[in-house]
Protein backbone atom coordinates (compact mmCIF):
# COMPACT_ATOMS: atom_id res chain seq x y z
CA UNK A 1 134.88 -128.38 -3.66
CA UNK A 2 132.34 -125.83 -4.81
CA UNK A 3 131.20 -122.58 -3.27
CA UNK A 4 127.57 -121.39 -2.83
CA UNK A 5 127.31 -120.17 -6.44
CA UNK A 6 128.10 -123.65 -7.68
CA UNK A 7 131.53 -122.71 -9.01
CA UNK A 8 134.59 -124.67 -8.02
CA UNK A 9 136.68 -122.94 -5.34
CA UNK A 10 140.21 -122.02 -6.26
CA UNK A 11 142.61 -124.64 -4.89
CA UNK A 12 144.97 -121.96 -3.58
CA UNK A 13 142.19 -120.30 -1.56
CA UNK A 14 143.03 -122.34 1.57
CA UNK A 15 146.63 -121.22 1.25
CA UNK A 16 145.42 -117.61 1.10
CA UNK A 17 143.42 -118.05 4.31
CA UNK A 18 146.44 -119.63 6.03
CA UNK A 19 148.62 -116.67 5.03
CA UNK A 20 145.96 -114.21 6.17
CA UNK A 21 145.67 -115.99 9.52
CA UNK A 22 149.45 -115.89 9.98
CA UNK A 23 149.54 -112.15 9.17
CA UNK A 24 146.75 -111.47 11.67
CA UNK A 25 148.60 -113.46 14.36
CA UNK A 26 151.76 -111.42 13.75
CA UNK A 27 149.80 -108.14 13.88
CA UNK A 28 148.12 -109.16 17.15
CA UNK A 29 151.48 -110.15 18.66
CA UNK A 30 152.86 -106.70 17.82
CA UNK A 31 149.81 -104.53 18.54
CA UNK A 32 148.33 -106.44 21.50
CA UNK A 33 150.93 -108.85 22.92
CA UNK A 34 150.14 -111.27 25.74
CA UNK A 35 151.54 -109.74 28.95
CA UNK A 36 154.52 -111.74 30.26
CA UNK A 37 152.88 -112.13 33.70
CA UNK A 38 149.75 -113.64 32.12
CA UNK A 39 151.84 -116.02 30.03
CA UNK A 40 153.77 -117.09 33.15
CA UNK A 41 150.53 -117.65 35.09
CA UNK A 42 149.06 -119.72 32.26
CA UNK A 43 152.14 -121.94 32.18
CA UNK A 44 152.08 -122.33 35.97
CA UNK A 45 148.36 -123.13 35.98
CA UNK A 46 148.89 -125.83 33.40
CA UNK A 47 151.90 -127.22 35.28
CA UNK A 48 149.97 -127.35 38.55
CA UNK A 49 146.93 -129.00 37.03
CA UNK A 50 146.12 -132.15 38.97
CA UNK A 51 145.00 -134.78 36.50
CA UNK A 52 144.06 -137.18 39.28
CA UNK A 53 142.15 -134.60 41.32
CA UNK A 54 138.55 -135.31 42.16
CA UNK A 55 136.17 -132.41 41.55
CA UNK A 56 134.03 -131.45 44.53
CA UNK A 57 130.74 -130.14 43.18
CA UNK A 58 128.87 -127.28 44.77
CA UNK A 59 125.80 -128.86 46.37
CA UNK A 60 124.60 -125.92 48.50
CA UNK A 61 124.96 -122.16 48.14
CA UNK A 62 123.06 -120.00 50.63
CA UNK A 63 122.71 -117.25 48.01
CA UNK A 64 120.66 -119.61 45.85
CA UNK A 65 119.34 -122.35 48.13
CA UNK A 66 118.61 -120.69 51.49
CA UNK A 67 115.47 -118.86 52.52
CA UNK A 68 116.38 -115.22 53.30
CA UNK A 69 115.75 -113.94 56.82
CA UNK A 70 113.99 -110.59 56.98
CA UNK A 71 116.09 -107.86 58.54
CA UNK A 72 119.30 -109.91 58.52
CA UNK A 73 122.27 -107.93 57.24
CA UNK A 74 125.84 -108.95 56.52
CA UNK A 75 124.92 -112.64 56.62
CA UNK A 76 127.80 -115.01 55.83
CA UNK A 77 127.54 -117.00 52.63
CA UNK A 78 127.44 -120.74 53.26
CA UNK A 79 128.81 -123.15 50.64
CA UNK A 80 128.92 -126.96 50.64
CA UNK A 81 131.03 -129.00 48.23
CA UNK A 82 130.82 -132.77 47.92
CA UNK A 83 132.97 -135.42 46.21
CA UNK A 84 132.71 -139.11 46.99
CA UNK A 85 132.67 -139.45 50.77
CA UNK A 86 134.20 -136.02 51.44
CA UNK A 87 132.22 -132.87 52.21
CA UNK A 88 133.71 -129.38 52.52
CA UNK A 89 131.59 -126.77 54.30
CA UNK A 90 132.72 -123.16 53.83
CA UNK A 91 131.53 -119.91 55.40
CA UNK A 92 132.47 -116.85 53.34
CA UNK A 93 132.50 -113.46 55.08
CA UNK A 94 134.08 -110.06 54.51
CA UNK A 95 136.86 -111.20 56.88
CA UNK A 96 137.73 -114.38 54.95
CA UNK A 97 136.89 -118.07 54.81
CA UNK A 98 136.19 -120.52 57.58
CA UNK A 99 135.42 -124.14 56.89
CA UNK A 100 135.50 -127.79 57.80
CA UNK A 101 136.33 -131.00 55.96
CA UNK A 102 134.01 -133.87 56.80
CA UNK A 103 134.59 -136.55 57.87
CA UNK A 104 137.17 -134.75 60.03
CA UNK A 105 140.67 -135.25 58.67
CA UNK A 106 143.91 -133.37 58.22
CA UNK A 107 144.40 -131.78 54.84
CA UNK A 108 146.64 -129.21 53.21
CA UNK A 109 144.45 -126.54 51.60
CA UNK A 110 145.20 -123.87 49.02
CA UNK A 111 142.78 -121.07 48.21
CA UNK A 112 142.96 -120.58 44.45
CA UNK A 113 141.98 -117.01 43.65
CA UNK A 114 143.23 -114.54 41.09
CA UNK A 115 146.75 -114.81 39.77
CA UNK A 116 148.31 -116.47 42.81
CA UNK A 117 147.33 -119.23 45.20
CA UNK A 118 146.98 -118.10 48.79
CA UNK A 119 149.30 -119.21 51.51
CA UNK A 120 148.89 -122.91 52.31
CA UNK A 121 146.57 -123.84 55.16
CA UNK A 122 146.37 -126.93 57.33
CA UNK A 123 143.21 -128.29 58.90
CA UNK A 124 143.20 -129.15 62.57
CA UNK A 125 142.32 -132.62 63.85
CA UNK A 126 138.60 -131.76 63.52
CA UNK A 127 139.06 -130.82 59.85
CA UNK A 128 138.58 -127.09 60.47
CA UNK A 129 140.46 -124.30 58.69
CA UNK A 130 140.51 -120.50 58.59
CA UNK A 131 141.72 -118.20 55.80
CA UNK A 132 141.97 -114.55 56.90
CA UNK A 133 141.79 -112.95 53.45
CA UNK A 134 138.46 -112.75 51.63
CA UNK A 135 138.89 -113.93 48.04
CA UNK A 136 138.32 -111.27 45.41
CA UNK A 137 136.41 -112.68 42.47
CA UNK A 138 136.25 -116.36 41.57
CA UNK A 139 137.93 -118.83 43.90
CA UNK A 140 138.29 -122.56 44.46
CA UNK A 141 139.90 -124.74 47.10
CA UNK A 142 142.50 -127.44 46.47
CA UNK A 143 142.67 -130.02 49.26
CA UNK A 144 145.41 -132.60 49.59
CA UNK A 145 144.39 -135.41 51.91
CA UNK A 146 145.72 -138.88 52.55
CA UNK A 147 143.22 -140.12 49.96
CA UNK A 148 144.38 -137.78 47.18
CA UNK A 149 143.68 -134.35 45.74
CA UNK A 150 140.26 -132.74 45.69
CA UNK A 151 139.45 -129.42 43.94
CA UNK A 152 136.18 -127.59 44.50
CA UNK A 153 134.10 -125.98 41.79
CA UNK A 154 135.00 -122.34 41.15
CA UNK A 155 132.65 -119.90 42.89
CA UNK A 156 132.44 -116.13 42.53
CA UNK A 157 132.83 -114.42 45.90
């Protein structure tokens, strides 16, 4: 192997880079360690990852797709997610989330937001659900229906 000047690179150079990388990793672990809570959350997120989950894509966002109404203030944000034959409509307000799964069906729902999933929700027979805490920052919904698991795209509140 030759470097840019045309000279052959020293065979031990890769070993030197490996040692340097190892020293930098040790220094980072001492000077800026990964917080234990973040490590625990990363392990839990990986463990809870649903490999068979269908991803429900965001197909409508009132912030982007709707025509603004002059003089309207504190308008709820409307979101629509779609995967296969399932649609999830969500209304996001300062008071929380309200939504409906279509076609109407029962589902267990988790609001994924921040370091912890919210308390589990159940839809009623019409597929409706309410979550009384507005998500802070990015959030997604995980729905468990009789047909399987569906996870929405992540959206910033």
